[in-house]
N, C-alpha and C. Protein backbone atom coordinates (compact mmCIF):
# COMPACT_ATOMS: atom_id res chain seq x y z
N UNK A 1 -12.32 -2.37 -10.28
CA UNK A 1 -11.58 -3.67 -9.53
C UNK A 1 -11.99 -5.05 -9.30
N UNK A 2 -11.54 -5.81 -9.07
CA UNK A 2 -11.78 -7.26 -8.64
C UNK A 2 -11.10 -7.55 -7.05
N UNK A 3 -11.82 -8.11 -6.85
CA UNK A 3 -11.06 -9.26 -5.40
C UNK A 3 -9.98 -10.01 -6.04
N UNK A 4 -9.03 -10.31 -6.03
CA UNK A 4 -7.70 -10.98 -6.29
C UNK A 4 -7.36 -11.92 -5.52
N UNK A 5 -7.58 -11.73 -3.92
CA UNK A 5 -6.99 -12.61 -2.83
C UNK A 5 -7.94 -12.03 -1.67
N UNK A 6 -7.68 -13.02 -0.81
CA UNK A 6 -8.62 -12.67 0.85
C UNK A 6 -7.80 -13.82 1.74
N UNK A 7 -7.48 -13.01 2.94
CA UNK A 7 -6.06 -14.10 3.59
C UNK A 7 -6.61 -13.85 4.78
N UNK A 8 -6.26 -15.04 5.93
CA UNK A 8 -6.36 -14.53 7.36
C UNK A 8 -7.80 -14.25 7.77
N UNK A 9 -8.69 -14.95 7.53
CA UNK A 9 -10.07 -14.94 7.59
C UNK A 9 -10.39 -13.87 7.34
N UNK A 10 -10.23 -13.35 5.83
CA UNK A 10 -11.08 -12.11 5.59
C UNK A 10 -10.05 -10.95 6.50
N UNK A 11 -9.10 -10.72 7.22
CA UNK A 11 -8.50 -10.08 7.85
C UNK A 11 -7.74 -9.28 6.37
N UNK A 12 -7.61 -9.57 5.45
CA UNK A 12 -6.73 -9.21 4.40
C UNK A 12 -7.45 -9.58 3.32
N UNK A 13 -7.65 -8.04 2.21
CA UNK A 13 -8.24 -8.53 1.30
C UNK A 13 -7.29 -7.60 -0.18
N UNK A 14 -7.03 -8.24 -1.03
CA UNK A 14 -6.47 -7.23 -2.48
C UNK A 14 -7.13 -7.46 -3.81
N UNK A 15 -7.50 -6.33 -3.65
CA UNK A 15 -8.04 -5.66 -5.20
C UNK A 15 -7.22 -5.34 -6.06
N UNK A 16 -7.57 -5.21 -7.23
CA UNK A 16 -6.86 -5.08 -8.52
C UNK A 16 -7.62 -5.34 -9.71
N UNK A 17 -6.73 -5.34 -11.03
CA UNK A 17 -7.60 -5.09 -12.26
C UNK A 17 -8.01 -6.63 -12.51
N UNK A 18 -8.55 -6.55 -13.82
CA UNK A 18 -8.93 -7.66 -13.89
C UNK A 18 -8.11 -8.96 -14.28
N UNK A 19 -7.14 -8.30 -15.28
CA UNK A 19 -5.98 -8.94 -15.30
C UNK A 19 -4.84 -9.03 -14.35
N UNK A 20 -5.49 -9.16 -13.23
CA UNK A 20 -4.68 -9.62 -12.05
C UNK A 20 -3.39 -8.75 -11.61
N UNK A 21 -3.65 -7.42 -11.89
CA UNK A 21 -2.67 -6.52 -11.49
C UNK A 21 -3.18 -6.03 -10.14
N UNK A 22 -2.07 -5.80 -9.19
CA UNK A 22 -2.64 -5.82 -7.52
C UNK A 22 -2.58 -4.20 -7.74
N UNK A 23 -3.79 -3.96 -6.92
CA UNK A 23 -3.64 -2.62 -6.88
C UNK A 23 -3.75 -1.86 -5.54
N UNK A 24 -4.66 -2.40 -4.61
CA UNK A 24 -5.01 -1.78 -3.52
C UNK A 24 -5.12 -3.27 -2.54
N UNK A 25 -4.57 -3.08 -0.97
CA UNK A 25 -4.68 -4.21 -0.28
C UNK A 25 -5.19 -3.38 0.99
N UNK A 26 -5.83 -4.02 1.70
CA UNK A 26 -6.98 -3.32 2.55
C UNK A 26 -6.88 -4.39 3.98
N UNK A 27 -6.38 -4.13 4.97
CA UNK A 27 -5.79 -4.85 6.22
C UNK A 27 -6.82 -4.30 7.38
N UNK A 28 -7.69 -5.17 7.83
CA UNK A 28 -8.75 -5.32 8.79
C UNK A 28 -7.64 -5.24 10.50
N UNK A 29 -8.08 -4.26 11.16
CA UNK A 29 -7.66 -3.94 12.77
C UNK A 29 -8.61 -3.68 13.95
N UNK A 30 -8.32 -2.94 14.78
CA UNK A 30 -9.07 -2.72 15.50
C UNK A 30 -9.54 -1.24 15.54
N UNK A 31 -10.27 -0.62 16.17
CA UNK A 31 -11.18 0.26 15.98
C UNK A 31 -10.38 1.69 16.58
N UNK A 32 -8.79 2.12 16.26
CA UNK A 32 -7.85 3.10 16.73
C UNK A 32 -7.27 3.69 15.37
N UNK A 33 -6.97 4.38 15.62
CA UNK A 33 -6.07 5.11 14.34
C UNK A 33 -5.21 4.40 13.92
N UNK A 34 -5.35 4.32 12.46
CA UNK A 34 -4.41 3.75 11.65
C UNK A 34 -5.01 1.86 11.64
N UNK A 35 -6.31 1.93 12.31
CA UNK A 35 -6.46 0.23 12.19
C UNK A 35 -7.24 -0.45 11.30
N UNK A 36 -7.13 0.50 9.90
CA UNK A 36 -7.63 -0.39 8.54
C UNK A 36 -6.06 0.30 7.75
N UNK A 37 -5.26 -0.55 7.33
CA UNK A 37 -4.12 -0.48 6.91
C UNK A 37 -4.08 -1.16 5.81
N UNK A 38 -3.75 0.52 4.66
CA UNK A 38 -3.91 -0.02 3.20
C UNK A 38 -2.28 -0.12 2.56
N UNK A 39 -2.46 -0.77 1.47
CA UNK A 39 -1.20 -1.24 0.41
C UNK A 39 -1.61 -0.66 -0.88
N UNK A 40 -1.26 0.41 -0.86
CA UNK A 40 -1.27 1.22 -2.67
C UNK A 40 -0.08 0.62 -3.33
N UNK A 41 -0.86 0.06 -4.70
CA UNK A 41 0.31 -0.30 -5.48
C UNK A 41 0.08 0.66 -6.88
N UNK A 42 2.11 0.62 -7.56
CA UNK A 42 2.13 0.93 -8.56
C UNK A 42 3.59 0.26 -9.08
N UNK A 43 3.38 0.56 -10.57
CA UNK A 43 4.74 -0.39 -11.23
C UNK A 43 5.88 0.05 -10.72
N UNK A 44 6.75 -0.94 -10.50
CA UNK A 44 8.45 -0.96 -10.35
C UNK A 44 8.86 0.74 -11.12
N UNK A 45 8.77 0.93 -12.43
CA UNK A 45 9.03 2.13 -12.79
C UNK A 45 8.70 3.39 -11.75
N UNK A 46 7.25 3.39 -11.44
CA UNK A 46 6.77 4.42 -10.97
C UNK A 46 7.09 4.65 -9.66
N UNK A 47 7.85 3.95 -8.73
CA UNK A 47 7.49 3.59 -7.26
C UNK A 47 8.63 5.11 -7.04
N UNK A 48 9.71 5.55 -7.04
CA UNK A 48 10.23 6.65 -6.73
C UNK A 48 9.35 7.81 -7.24
N UNK A 49 8.63 8.17 -7.76
CA UNK A 49 8.12 9.24 -8.84
C UNK A 49 6.93 9.47 -7.66
N UNK A 50 6.39 7.96 -7.48
CA UNK A 50 4.87 8.08 -6.92
C UNK A 50 4.89 8.20 -5.00
N UNK A 51 6.29 8.33 -4.95
CA UNK A 51 6.65 8.29 -3.11
C UNK A 51 6.83 10.13 -3.17
N UNK A 52 7.38 10.61 -4.22
CA UNK A 52 7.37 11.74 -4.52
C UNK A 52 6.35 12.82 -4.18
N UNK A 53 5.28 12.30 -5.53
CA UNK A 53 3.72 12.25 -5.66
C UNK A 53 3.11 12.75 -4.24
N UNK A 54 2.98 11.20 -3.55
CA UNK A 54 2.36 11.45 -2.35
C UNK A 54 3.12 12.12 -1.24
N UNK A 55 4.12 12.31 -1.17
CA UNK A 55 4.66 13.03 -0.31
C UNK A 55 4.41 15.10 -0.72
N UNK A 56 4.17 15.27 -1.99
CA UNK A 56 3.85 16.58 -2.47
C UNK A 56 2.22 16.50 -1.85
N UNK A 57 1.31 15.73 -1.58
CA UNK A 57 0.14 15.53 -1.29
C UNK A 57 -0.15 15.62 0.12
N UNK A 58 0.83 15.71 1.01
CA UNK A 58 0.82 15.96 2.32
C UNK A 58 0.91 14.47 3.33
N UNK A 59 1.53 13.16 2.12
CA UNK A 59 2.18 11.94 3.00
C UNK A 59 3.31 12.43 3.50
N UNK A 60 3.67 11.53 4.71
CA UNK A 60 4.81 11.53 5.29
C UNK A 60 5.37 10.26 5.32
N UNK A 61 6.72 10.28 5.07
CA UNK A 61 7.45 8.97 4.97
C UNK A 61 8.22 8.76 6.11
N UNK A 62 7.83 7.82 6.68
CA UNK A 62 8.00 7.13 7.75
C UNK A 62 9.03 6.49 7.89
N UNK A 63 9.65 5.54 7.38
CA UNK A 63 10.88 4.78 7.17
C UNK A 63 11.15 4.99 5.48
N UNK A 64 12.58 4.98 5.35
CA UNK A 64 13.54 4.58 4.17
C UNK A 64 12.61 3.61 3.16
N UNK A 65 12.69 3.91 2.07
CA UNK A 65 11.99 2.79 1.17
C UNK A 65 12.89 1.45 1.51
N UNK A 66 12.68 0.27 0.70
CA UNK A 66 13.20 -0.77 0.89
C UNK A 66 13.13 -1.72 -0.15
N UNK A 67 13.56 -2.37 -0.57
CA UNK A 67 13.84 -3.44 -1.58
C UNK A 67 13.86 -4.71 -1.35
N UNK A 68 12.75 -5.44 -1.26
CA UNK A 68 12.01 -6.87 -0.48
C UNK A 68 12.08 -7.85 -1.76
N UNK A 69 12.02 -9.16 -1.72
CA UNK A 69 12.26 -10.14 -2.67
C UNK A 69 11.13 -10.11 -3.92
N UNK A 70 9.79 -9.59 -2.66
CA UNK A 70 8.81 -9.53 -3.73
C UNK A 70 8.15 -8.16 -4.54
N UNK A 71 9.28 -7.22 -4.48
CA UNK A 71 9.52 -5.80 -4.53
C UNK A 71 9.78 -4.77 -3.98
N UNK A 72 9.45 -3.54 -3.98
CA UNK A 72 10.00 -1.99 -3.12
C UNK A 72 8.77 -1.90 -2.41
N UNK A 73 8.64 -1.33 -1.26
CA UNK A 73 7.73 -1.16 -0.38
C UNK A 73 8.52 0.49 0.38
N UNK A 74 7.24 1.13 0.86
CA UNK A 74 7.75 2.43 1.52
C UNK A 74 6.31 2.46 2.00
N UNK A 75 6.85 2.96 3.49
CA UNK A 75 5.92 2.93 4.60
C UNK A 75 5.79 4.48 4.76
N UNK A 76 4.39 4.80 4.64
CA UNK A 76 4.48 6.36 4.84
C UNK A 76 2.87 6.65 5.91
N UNK A 77 2.63 8.11 6.08
CA UNK A 77 1.61 7.94 6.94
C UNK A 77 0.82 9.26 6.27
N UNK A 78 -0.59 9.29 6.11
CA UNK A 78 -1.60 10.79 5.53
C UNK A 78 -1.34 12.05 6.69
N UNK A 79 -1.78 12.93 6.26
CA UNK A 79 -2.11 14.04 7.31
C UNK A 79 -2.30 13.67 8.52
N UNK A 80 -3.29 12.68 8.95
CA UNK A 80 -3.98 12.60 9.99
C UNK A 80 -3.45 11.59 10.49
N UNK A 81 -2.60 11.18 9.87
CA UNK A 81 -0.98 9.92 10.56
C UNK A 81 -1.72 8.66 10.54
N UNK A 82 -2.74 8.41 9.87
CA UNK A 82 -3.06 6.89 9.52
C UNK A 82 -1.97 6.44 8.46
N UNK A 83 -1.20 5.41 8.84
CA UNK A 83 -0.37 4.38 7.81
C UNK A 83 -0.46 3.88 7.03
N UNK A 84 -0.05 4.05 5.95
CA UNK A 84 -0.18 2.88 4.60
C UNK A 84 0.89 2.72 4.26
N UNK A 85 1.24 1.93 3.07
CA UNK A 85 2.47 1.74 2.65
C UNK A 85 2.12 1.68 0.71
N UNK A 86 3.07 1.87 -0.03
CA UNK A 86 3.13 2.15 -1.17
C UNK A 86 4.20 0.88 -1.35
N UNK A 87 3.16 0.09 -2.41
CA UNK A 87 4.21 -1.29 -3.18
C UNK A 87 4.54 -1.21 -4.85
N UNK A 88 5.41 -1.77 -5.16
CA UNK A 88 5.78 -1.97 -6.27
C UNK A 88 6.02 -3.34 -6.55
N UNK A 89 5.27 -4.22 -6.69
CA UNK A 89 5.39 -5.71 -6.81
C UNK A 89 6.29 -6.02 -7.87
N UNK A 90 7.30 -6.88 -7.89
CA UNK A 90 7.94 -7.53 -9.41
C UNK A 90 7.14 -8.55 -9.79
């Protein structure tokens, strides 16, 4: 992967493929649980199946998936309670 974006004084970094497809976003935070927030990306047609796959792997869906102007997003947490988002960008 390559770095695609860097925002807010290096607080937010987006990595993706060399052709510009966003794959993961890393957001720095404090040193408490969930202080590094990941955004994982998939294609829009994969979104619903990917939510199901992540839940089967032990993630918990924290809020119902929603659709925003930039794409779809689901708020989840890993088995240790660390929050992350699944994004399907338009």
